[in-house]
Amino acid sequence: MSIDLILILGGFLFLLAGLMGAFIPILPGPPVSFAGMLLLHFSKHLHFSTTVLVSYGIICLLITLADYLLPIWGTRLGKGSKHGIVGASLGLVIGIFFFPPLGVLIGPLAGAWLAEMVNGKKSKEAFYAAMGSFVGLLLGVLLKFVVSLAIIWHSLAALFSNFS
C-alpha cells in the first residue's frame, strides 16, 4: 500500500472524526480536522498554501480556547456558578451516550440545572444559570462544527481541483 494512499485515507478519517468531535466533548473537533488536513498536505496529491495552513491552525487554536470559555461566559451571564459548568459538561457527556440524539440538547441543560439545585440555588436561579451554560455549550458546538466543516470543504475542494 502506498504511503500516499495511507496519508489520504488517514487524512479523511481524521476530517470525519473532527466533524464528529464537534458534538462529542471528548474529541477535540477542529484540531483533529486540522490534523487530517495536514496528513492530506503531506501526500503527493494535495497541497495547501502556508497561509491556509497557518490560518486554520490559528483558528483551531482559538476555537478550542473559546470552547472552554463559552460555557463559563454563558453560565456567568446566567448568574451561575462553576458547579453549573461542570453539571452542563457532565450532562452533555451522559446525554450523548445514553439519550442520543436529543441528549446533546437536554443533557447540558439538565446537568447544569441539577448541579445548581444541589448547590443551593432556587429553581428559577438554577434554570437561568442552566440556560446560560447551555447557550455557551451550544455556541461552542456550533463554532467547532463550522470550522471542522470548513476544513473538510477546503480539503475536498483541493482534492477535486487536483483530480479534474
N, C-alpha and C. Protein backbone atom coordinates (compact mmCIF):
# COMPACT_ATOMS: atom_id res chain seq x y z
N MET A 1 0.85 -1.18 0.00
CA MET A 1 0.00 0.00 0.00
C MET A 1 0.90 1.25 0.00
N SER A 2 0.60 2.17 -0.83
CA SER A 2 1.36 3.40 -0.98
C SER A 2 1.20 4.31 0.24
N ILE A 3 2.28 4.99 0.60
CA ILE A 3 2.23 5.94 1.71
C ILE A 3 1.24 7.07 1.41
N ASP A 4 1.12 7.45 0.13
CA ASP A 4 0.16 8.49 -0.23
C ASP A 4 -1.27 8.04 0.03
N LEU A 5 -1.57 6.81 -0.29
CA LEU A 5 -2.91 6.30 -0.03
C LEU A 5 -3.20 6.28 1.46
N ILE A 6 -2.22 5.89 2.25
CA ILE A 6 -2.38 5.89 3.71
C ILE A 6 -2.61 7.31 4.22
N LEU A 7 -1.83 8.26 3.72
CA LEU A 7 -1.99 9.66 4.14
C LEU A 7 -3.36 10.20 3.76
N ILE A 8 -3.82 9.89 2.56
CA ILE A 8 -5.11 10.40 2.10
C ILE A 8 -6.26 9.74 2.88
N LEU A 9 -6.22 8.43 3.03
CA LEU A 9 -7.27 7.75 3.80
C LEU A 9 -7.26 8.20 5.26
N GLY A 10 -6.07 8.26 5.83
CA GLY A 10 -5.96 8.73 7.22
C GLY A 10 -6.43 10.17 7.36
N GLY A 11 -6.06 11.00 6.40
CA GLY A 11 -6.49 12.39 6.44
C GLY A 11 -8.01 12.53 6.43
N PHE A 12 -8.67 11.78 5.55
CA PHE A 12 -10.13 11.88 5.50
C PHE A 12 -10.79 11.25 6.73
N LEU A 13 -10.18 10.23 7.31
CA LEU A 13 -10.70 9.67 8.56
C LEU A 13 -10.60 10.71 9.68
N PHE A 14 -9.48 11.42 9.72
CA PHE A 14 -9.32 12.48 10.72
C PHE A 14 -10.32 13.62 10.48
N LEU A 15 -10.56 13.96 9.22
CA LEU A 15 -11.54 15.01 8.92
C LEU A 15 -12.92 14.62 9.45
N LEU A 16 -13.32 13.38 9.22
CA LEU A 16 -14.63 12.92 9.70
C LEU A 16 -14.67 12.83 11.22
N ALA A 17 -13.58 12.35 11.82
CA ALA A 17 -13.52 12.28 13.29
C ALA A 17 -13.59 13.69 13.89
N GLY A 18 -12.95 14.64 13.24
CA GLY A 18 -13.01 16.03 13.71
C GLY A 18 -14.42 16.59 13.64
N LEU A 19 -15.14 16.24 12.58
CA LEU A 19 -16.53 16.70 12.47
C LEU A 19 -17.38 16.10 13.59
N MET A 20 -17.16 14.82 13.88
CA MET A 20 -17.87 14.19 15.00
C MET A 20 -17.45 14.81 16.32
N GLY A 21 -16.19 15.24 16.40
CA GLY A 21 -15.69 15.87 17.62
C GLY A 21 -16.34 17.20 17.94
N ALA A 22 -17.03 17.77 16.98
CA ALA A 22 -17.77 18.99 17.27
C ALA A 22 -18.91 18.70 18.25
N PHE A 23 -19.38 17.47 18.26
CA PHE A 23 -20.51 17.09 19.11
C PHE A 23 -20.11 16.21 20.29
N ILE A 24 -18.97 15.55 20.20
CA ILE A 24 -18.52 14.66 21.26
C ILE A 24 -17.45 15.39 22.06
N PRO A 25 -17.73 15.71 23.33
CA PRO A 25 -16.82 16.55 24.08
C PRO A 25 -15.43 15.95 24.32
N ILE A 26 -15.29 14.66 24.24
CA ILE A 26 -14.01 14.01 24.49
C ILE A 26 -13.05 14.24 23.32
N LEU A 27 -13.59 14.44 22.14
CA LEU A 27 -12.80 14.58 20.92
C LEU A 27 -12.66 16.06 20.56
N PRO A 28 -11.44 16.59 20.46
CA PRO A 28 -11.29 18.00 20.07
C PRO A 28 -11.49 18.17 18.57
N GLY A 29 -12.68 18.50 18.14
CA GLY A 29 -13.07 18.52 16.74
C GLY A 29 -12.16 19.25 15.78
N PRO A 30 -12.07 20.58 15.84
CA PRO A 30 -11.25 21.30 14.86
C PRO A 30 -9.77 20.88 14.84
N PRO A 31 -9.11 20.66 15.98
CA PRO A 31 -7.72 20.21 15.89
C PRO A 31 -7.57 18.85 15.20
N VAL A 32 -8.52 17.95 15.40
CA VAL A 32 -8.46 16.65 14.72
C VAL A 32 -8.68 16.85 13.21
N SER A 33 -9.62 17.72 12.85
CA SER A 33 -9.83 18.02 11.43
C SER A 33 -8.57 18.65 10.82
N PHE A 34 -7.95 19.54 11.57
CA PHE A 34 -6.73 20.18 11.09
C PHE A 34 -5.61 19.14 10.91
N ALA A 35 -5.52 18.19 11.83
CA ALA A 35 -4.53 17.11 11.68
C ALA A 35 -4.80 16.32 10.40
N GLY A 36 -6.08 16.10 10.08
CA GLY A 36 -6.42 15.44 8.82
C GLY A 36 -5.97 16.25 7.62
N MET A 37 -6.15 17.56 7.70
CA MET A 37 -5.71 18.43 6.61
C MET A 37 -4.19 18.36 6.45
N LEU A 38 -3.47 18.30 7.56
CA LEU A 38 -2.02 18.18 7.49
C LEU A 38 -1.59 16.85 6.86
N LEU A 39 -2.28 15.78 7.21
CA LEU A 39 -1.97 14.49 6.59
C LEU A 39 -2.17 14.56 5.08
N LEU A 40 -3.27 15.19 4.66
CA LEU A 40 -3.52 15.35 3.23
C LEU A 40 -2.43 16.20 2.57
N HIS A 41 -2.00 17.23 3.27
CA HIS A 41 -0.97 18.12 2.75
C HIS A 41 0.35 17.38 2.51
N PHE A 42 0.66 16.42 3.35
CA PHE A 42 1.93 15.70 3.22
C PHE A 42 1.89 14.60 2.15
N SER A 43 0.72 14.38 1.56
CA SER A 43 0.66 13.44 0.44
C SER A 43 1.16 14.15 -0.82
N LYS A 44 1.40 13.39 -1.85
CA LYS A 44 1.88 13.98 -3.10
C LYS A 44 0.77 14.66 -3.89
N HIS A 45 -0.48 14.37 -3.56
CA HIS A 45 -1.59 14.81 -4.41
C HIS A 45 -2.31 16.06 -3.93
N LEU A 46 -2.22 16.39 -2.66
CA LEU A 46 -2.94 17.55 -2.13
C LEU A 46 -1.97 18.47 -1.42
N HIS A 47 -2.04 19.73 -1.77
CA HIS A 47 -1.16 20.70 -1.12
C HIS A 47 -1.97 21.95 -0.79
N PHE A 48 -1.68 22.50 0.36
CA PHE A 48 -2.32 23.74 0.81
C PHE A 48 -1.23 24.77 1.01
N SER A 49 -1.56 26.01 0.77
CA SER A 49 -0.56 27.07 0.95
C SER A 49 -0.24 27.22 2.44
N THR A 50 0.92 27.81 2.68
CA THR A 50 1.33 28.07 4.07
C THR A 50 0.32 28.98 4.75
N THR A 51 -0.21 29.94 4.02
CA THR A 51 -1.21 30.85 4.57
C THR A 51 -2.45 30.10 5.03
N VAL A 52 -2.92 29.17 4.21
CA VAL A 52 -4.11 28.39 4.56
C VAL A 52 -3.83 27.55 5.81
N LEU A 53 -2.69 26.88 5.84
CA LEU A 53 -2.37 26.02 6.98
C LEU A 53 -2.21 26.81 8.27
N VAL A 54 -1.50 27.92 8.20
CA VAL A 54 -1.30 28.75 9.39
C VAL A 54 -2.64 29.35 9.84
N SER A 55 -3.45 29.80 8.89
CA SER A 55 -4.75 30.38 9.23
C SER A 55 -5.64 29.36 9.93
N TYR A 56 -5.76 28.17 9.36
CA TYR A 56 -6.58 27.14 10.01
C TYR A 56 -6.00 26.72 11.36
N GLY A 57 -4.68 26.68 11.46
CA GLY A 57 -4.06 26.34 12.74
C GLY A 57 -4.42 27.34 13.82
N ILE A 58 -4.35 28.61 13.50
CA ILE A 58 -4.70 29.66 14.46
C ILE A 58 -6.19 29.61 14.80
N ILE A 59 -7.02 29.43 13.78
CA ILE A 59 -8.46 29.35 14.01
C ILE A 59 -8.78 28.17 14.92
N CYS A 60 -8.15 27.03 14.68
CA CYS A 60 -8.40 25.84 15.52
C CYS A 60 -7.98 26.10 16.96
N LEU A 61 -6.86 26.76 17.14
CA LEU A 61 -6.40 27.09 18.48
C LEU A 61 -7.40 28.02 19.19
N LEU A 62 -7.85 29.05 18.48
CA LEU A 62 -8.80 29.99 19.06
C LEU A 62 -10.15 29.34 19.36
N ILE A 63 -10.62 28.48 18.47
CA ILE A 63 -11.91 27.81 18.68
C ILE A 63 -11.82 26.85 19.87
N THR A 64 -10.69 26.16 20.00
CA THR A 64 -10.52 25.25 21.12
C THR A 64 -10.53 26.02 22.44
N LEU A 65 -9.86 27.16 22.47
CA LEU A 65 -9.87 28.01 23.65
C LEU A 65 -11.28 28.53 23.92
N ALA A 66 -11.95 29.00 22.88
CA ALA A 66 -13.31 29.52 23.03
C ALA A 66 -14.27 28.44 23.52
N ASP A 67 -14.05 27.21 23.10
CA ASP A 67 -14.93 26.12 23.51
C ASP A 67 -14.90 25.92 25.02
N TYR A 68 -13.78 26.20 25.65
CA TYR A 68 -13.70 26.09 27.10
C TYR A 68 -14.26 27.34 27.80
N LEU A 69 -14.14 28.47 27.14
CA LEU A 69 -14.56 29.73 27.77
C LEU A 69 -16.04 30.06 27.58
N LEU A 70 -16.64 29.61 26.49
CA LEU A 70 -18.04 29.95 26.22
C LEU A 70 -19.02 29.44 27.27
N PRO A 71 -18.91 28.19 27.74
CA PRO A 71 -19.83 27.77 28.80
C PRO A 71 -19.64 28.57 30.09
N ILE A 72 -18.41 28.96 30.38
CA ILE A 72 -18.16 29.78 31.57
C ILE A 72 -18.83 31.14 31.39
N TRP A 73 -18.64 31.72 30.22
CA TRP A 73 -19.26 33.01 29.92
C TRP A 73 -20.78 32.91 30.01
N GLY A 74 -21.35 31.85 29.40
CA GLY A 74 -22.80 31.67 29.42
C GLY A 74 -23.33 31.47 30.83
N THR A 75 -22.63 30.70 31.62
CA THR A 75 -23.07 30.45 32.99
C THR A 75 -22.99 31.73 33.81
N ARG A 76 -21.92 32.46 33.65
CA ARG A 76 -21.80 33.74 34.38
C ARG A 76 -22.87 34.73 33.92
N LEU A 77 -23.17 34.72 32.64
CA LEU A 77 -24.22 35.58 32.11
C LEU A 77 -25.56 35.21 32.75
N GLY A 78 -25.76 33.92 33.01
CA GLY A 78 -26.99 33.45 33.66
C GLY A 78 -26.89 33.45 35.16
N LYS A 79 -25.86 34.09 35.72
CA LYS A 79 -25.63 34.19 37.16
C LYS A 79 -25.40 32.83 37.82
N GLY A 80 -24.73 31.95 37.10
CA GLY A 80 -24.47 30.61 37.62
C GLY A 80 -23.09 30.50 38.24
N SER A 81 -22.80 29.30 38.74
CA SER A 81 -21.53 29.03 39.40
C SER A 81 -20.71 28.02 38.60
N LYS A 82 -19.55 27.68 39.12
CA LYS A 82 -18.70 26.67 38.49
C LYS A 82 -19.40 25.30 38.50
N HIS A 83 -20.24 25.09 39.48
CA HIS A 83 -20.98 23.83 39.55
C HIS A 83 -21.89 23.66 38.34
N GLY A 84 -22.48 24.75 37.90
CA GLY A 84 -23.34 24.70 36.71
C GLY A 84 -22.56 24.33 35.46
N ILE A 85 -21.33 24.83 35.36
CA ILE A 85 -20.47 24.50 34.21
C ILE A 85 -20.14 23.02 34.21
N VAL A 86 -19.74 22.51 35.36
CA VAL A 86 -19.40 21.08 35.48
C VAL A 86 -20.64 20.23 35.21
N GLY A 87 -21.78 20.64 35.76
CA GLY A 87 -23.03 19.90 35.54
C GLY A 87 -23.43 19.87 34.08
N ALA A 88 -23.26 20.98 33.40
CA ALA A 88 -23.60 21.03 31.97
C ALA A 88 -22.68 20.12 31.16
N SER A 89 -21.41 20.13 31.49
CA SER A 89 -20.45 19.27 30.78
C SER A 89 -20.75 17.79 31.01
N LEU A 90 -21.00 17.43 32.26
CA LEU A 90 -21.35 16.03 32.56
C LEU A 90 -22.67 15.65 31.91
N GLY A 91 -23.62 16.56 31.94
CA GLY A 91 -24.91 16.30 31.29
C GLY A 91 -24.76 16.08 29.80
N LEU A 92 -23.86 16.82 29.18
CA LEU A 92 -23.62 16.65 27.75
C LEU A 92 -23.07 15.26 27.46
N VAL A 93 -22.08 14.83 28.24
CA VAL A 93 -21.49 13.51 28.03
C VAL A 93 -22.53 12.41 28.26
N ILE A 94 -23.26 12.51 29.34
CA ILE A 94 -24.28 11.50 29.66
C ILE A 94 -25.37 11.50 28.60
N GLY A 95 -25.79 12.70 28.19
CA GLY A 95 -26.83 12.81 27.18
C GLY A 95 -26.44 12.21 25.85
N ILE A 96 -25.19 12.41 25.44
CA ILE A 96 -24.72 11.88 24.16
C ILE A 96 -24.77 10.36 24.16
N PHE A 97 -24.30 9.76 25.25
CA PHE A 97 -24.16 8.31 25.28
C PHE A 97 -25.44 7.57 25.65
N PHE A 98 -26.29 8.19 26.46
CA PHE A 98 -27.47 7.46 26.93
C PHE A 98 -28.78 7.89 26.28
N PHE A 99 -28.82 9.08 25.72
CA PHE A 99 -30.07 9.58 25.14
C PHE A 99 -29.87 10.24 23.78
N PRO A 100 -29.12 9.59 22.87
CA PRO A 100 -28.90 10.23 21.57
C PRO A 100 -30.20 10.28 20.78
N PRO A 101 -30.40 11.20 19.91
CA PRO A 101 -29.63 12.42 19.66
C PRO A 101 -30.07 13.59 20.52
N LEU A 102 -31.23 13.50 21.16
CA LEU A 102 -31.73 14.64 21.95
C LEU A 102 -30.91 14.89 23.21
N GLY A 103 -30.13 13.91 23.63
CA GLY A 103 -29.30 14.07 24.82
C GLY A 103 -28.30 15.19 24.69
N VAL A 104 -27.91 15.51 23.46
CA VAL A 104 -26.98 16.61 23.23
C VAL A 104 -27.62 17.93 23.65
N LEU A 105 -28.91 18.05 23.50
CA LEU A 105 -29.61 19.28 23.86
C LEU A 105 -30.10 19.26 25.31
N ILE A 106 -30.66 18.14 25.72
CA ILE A 106 -31.27 18.05 27.04
C ILE A 106 -30.23 17.85 28.14
N GLY A 107 -29.18 17.06 27.86
CA GLY A 107 -28.17 16.74 28.86
C GLY A 107 -27.52 17.94 29.52
N PRO A 108 -26.97 18.89 28.75
CA PRO A 108 -26.32 20.04 29.38
C PRO A 108 -27.27 20.90 30.21
N LEU A 109 -28.47 21.07 29.70
CA LEU A 109 -29.46 21.86 30.42
C LEU A 109 -29.82 21.21 31.74
N ALA A 110 -30.13 19.92 31.70
CA ALA A 110 -30.49 19.19 32.92
C ALA A 110 -29.31 19.11 33.88
N GLY A 111 -28.12 18.87 33.36
CA GLY A 111 -26.94 18.76 34.22
C GLY A 111 -26.63 20.06 34.95
N ALA A 112 -26.70 21.17 34.24
CA ALA A 112 -26.43 22.46 34.87
C ALA A 112 -27.51 22.80 35.90
N TRP A 113 -28.74 22.55 35.55
CA TRP A 113 -29.84 22.84 36.48
C TRP A 113 -29.71 22.00 37.74
N LEU A 114 -29.46 20.73 37.58
CA LEU A 114 -29.33 19.83 38.73
C LEU A 114 -28.14 20.23 39.60
N ALA A 115 -27.02 20.55 39.00
CA ALA A 115 -25.83 20.95 39.76
C ALA A 115 -26.10 22.22 40.55
N GLU A 116 -26.77 23.17 39.96
CA GLU A 116 -27.09 24.43 40.66
C GLU A 116 -28.10 24.18 41.79
N MET A 117 -29.06 23.31 41.56
CA MET A 117 -30.05 22.98 42.59
C MET A 117 -29.37 22.29 43.78
N VAL A 118 -28.48 21.35 43.50
CA VAL A 118 -27.78 20.63 44.56
C VAL A 118 -26.93 21.60 45.38
N ASN A 119 -26.45 22.64 44.76
CA ASN A 119 -25.61 23.61 45.46
C ASN A 119 -26.38 24.80 46.00
N GLY A 120 -27.68 24.64 46.21
CA GLY A 120 -28.45 25.60 46.97
C GLY A 120 -29.16 26.70 46.21
N LYS A 121 -29.15 26.68 44.92
CA LYS A 121 -29.88 27.73 44.18
C LYS A 121 -31.36 27.38 44.12
N LYS A 122 -32.17 28.41 44.06
CA LYS A 122 -33.60 28.20 43.87
C LYS A 122 -33.84 27.78 42.42
N SER A 123 -34.98 27.19 42.18
CA SER A 123 -35.28 26.61 40.87
C SER A 123 -35.14 27.63 39.74
N LYS A 124 -35.67 28.83 39.93
CA LYS A 124 -35.62 29.85 38.89
C LYS A 124 -34.17 30.29 38.63
N GLU A 125 -33.39 30.50 39.68
CA GLU A 125 -31.99 30.89 39.52
C GLU A 125 -31.19 29.78 38.85
N ALA A 126 -31.46 28.55 39.25
CA ALA A 126 -30.77 27.39 38.65
C ALA A 126 -31.12 27.28 37.17
N PHE A 127 -32.37 27.57 36.83
CA PHE A 127 -32.78 27.50 35.43
C PHE A 127 -32.05 28.54 34.59
N TYR A 128 -31.92 29.76 35.08
CA TYR A 128 -31.21 30.81 34.33
C TYR A 128 -29.74 30.44 34.15
N ALA A 129 -29.13 29.93 35.21
CA ALA A 129 -27.73 29.50 35.10
C ALA A 129 -27.60 28.36 34.10
N ALA A 130 -28.53 27.43 34.15
CA ALA A 130 -28.51 26.29 33.22
C ALA A 130 -28.68 26.77 31.79
N MET A 131 -29.58 27.70 31.56
CA MET A 131 -29.78 28.23 30.20
C MET A 131 -28.53 28.94 29.69
N GLY A 132 -27.86 29.69 30.56
CA GLY A 132 -26.63 30.37 30.15
C GLY A 132 -25.54 29.38 29.78
N SER A 133 -25.37 28.37 30.60
CA SER A 133 -24.37 27.35 30.32
C SER A 133 -24.71 26.59 29.05
N PHE A 134 -25.98 26.29 28.89
CA PHE A 134 -26.47 25.58 27.71
C PHE A 134 -26.20 26.39 26.43
N VAL A 135 -26.48 27.67 26.48
CA VAL A 135 -26.24 28.54 25.32
C VAL A 135 -24.75 28.59 25.01
N GLY A 136 -23.91 28.69 26.03
CA GLY A 136 -22.47 28.69 25.82
C GLY A 136 -21.98 27.40 25.20
N LEU A 137 -22.49 26.27 25.69
CA LEU A 137 -22.10 24.97 25.12
C LEU A 137 -22.56 24.86 23.66
N LEU A 138 -23.78 25.26 23.39
CA LEU A 138 -24.28 25.18 22.01
C LEU A 138 -23.50 26.09 21.07
N LEU A 139 -23.13 27.25 21.54
CA LEU A 139 -22.34 28.15 20.71
C LEU A 139 -20.97 27.53 20.41
N GLY A 140 -20.37 26.90 21.41
CA GLY A 140 -19.10 26.22 21.20
C GLY A 140 -19.23 25.08 20.19
N VAL A 141 -20.29 24.30 20.31
CA VAL A 141 -20.53 23.19 19.38
C VAL A 141 -20.72 23.73 17.96
N LEU A 142 -21.48 24.78 17.83
CA LEU A 142 -21.73 25.38 16.52
C LEU A 142 -20.41 25.88 15.89
N LEU A 143 -19.61 26.56 16.67
CA LEU A 143 -18.33 27.06 16.14
C LEU A 143 -17.41 25.92 15.73
N LYS A 144 -17.32 24.87 16.56
CA LYS A 144 -16.48 23.72 16.22
C LYS A 144 -16.99 23.03 14.96
N PHE A 145 -18.29 22.91 14.83
CA PHE A 145 -18.87 22.27 13.65
C PHE A 145 -18.56 23.08 12.40
N VAL A 146 -18.73 24.38 12.45
CA VAL A 146 -18.49 25.24 11.29
C VAL A 146 -17.02 25.19 10.87
N VAL A 147 -16.11 25.24 11.83
CA VAL A 147 -14.68 25.21 11.49
C VAL A 147 -14.30 23.85 10.91
N SER A 148 -14.77 22.76 11.53
CA SER A 148 -14.47 21.43 11.00
C SER A 148 -15.06 21.25 9.60
N LEU A 149 -16.25 21.75 9.40
CA LEU A 149 -16.89 21.68 8.08
C LEU A 149 -16.10 22.50 7.05
N ALA A 150 -15.61 23.65 7.44
CA ALA A 150 -14.81 24.49 6.53
C ALA A 150 -13.51 23.77 6.14
N ILE A 151 -12.90 23.10 7.09
CA ILE A 151 -11.67 22.36 6.79
C ILE A 151 -11.97 21.22 5.82
N ILE A 152 -13.07 20.53 6.04
CA ILE A 152 -13.47 19.45 5.13
C ILE A 152 -13.75 20.01 3.74
N TRP A 153 -14.49 21.09 3.68
CA TRP A 153 -14.81 21.70 2.38
C TRP A 153 -13.53 22.10 1.65
N HIS A 154 -12.61 22.73 2.37
CA HIS A 154 -11.36 23.16 1.75
C HIS A 154 -10.56 21.96 1.24
N SER A 155 -10.56 20.88 2.01
CA SER A 155 -9.83 19.67 1.63
C SER A 155 -10.47 19.01 0.42
N LEU A 156 -11.79 18.93 0.40
CA LEU A 156 -12.48 18.34 -0.76
C LEU A 156 -12.28 19.18 -2.02
N ALA A 157 -12.31 20.50 -1.85
CA ALA A 157 -12.10 21.38 -2.98
C ALA A 157 -10.69 21.17 -3.56
N ALA A 158 -9.70 21.00 -2.66
CA ALA A 158 -8.34 20.75 -3.14
C ALA A 158 -8.25 19.40 -3.84
N LEU A 159 -8.95 18.41 -3.30
CA LEU A 159 -8.93 17.09 -3.90
C LEU A 159 -9.54 17.11 -5.30
N PHE A 160 -10.72 17.70 -5.44
CA PHE A 160 -11.40 17.72 -6.72
C PHE A 160 -10.69 18.61 -7.74
N SER A 161 -10.07 19.69 -7.30
CA SER A 161 -9.36 20.54 -8.26
C SER A 161 -8.08 19.86 -8.73
N ASN A 162 -7.52 18.98 -7.89
CA ASN A 162 -6.30 18.28 -8.26
C ASN A 162 -6.56 17.14 -9.25
N PHE A 163 -7.71 16.50 -9.13
CA PHE A 163 -8.02 15.35 -9.98
C PHE A 163 -8.91 15.70 -11.17
N SER A 164 -9.20 16.96 -11.36
CA SER A 164 -10.04 17.32 -12.51
C SER A 164 -9.23 17.76 -13.70
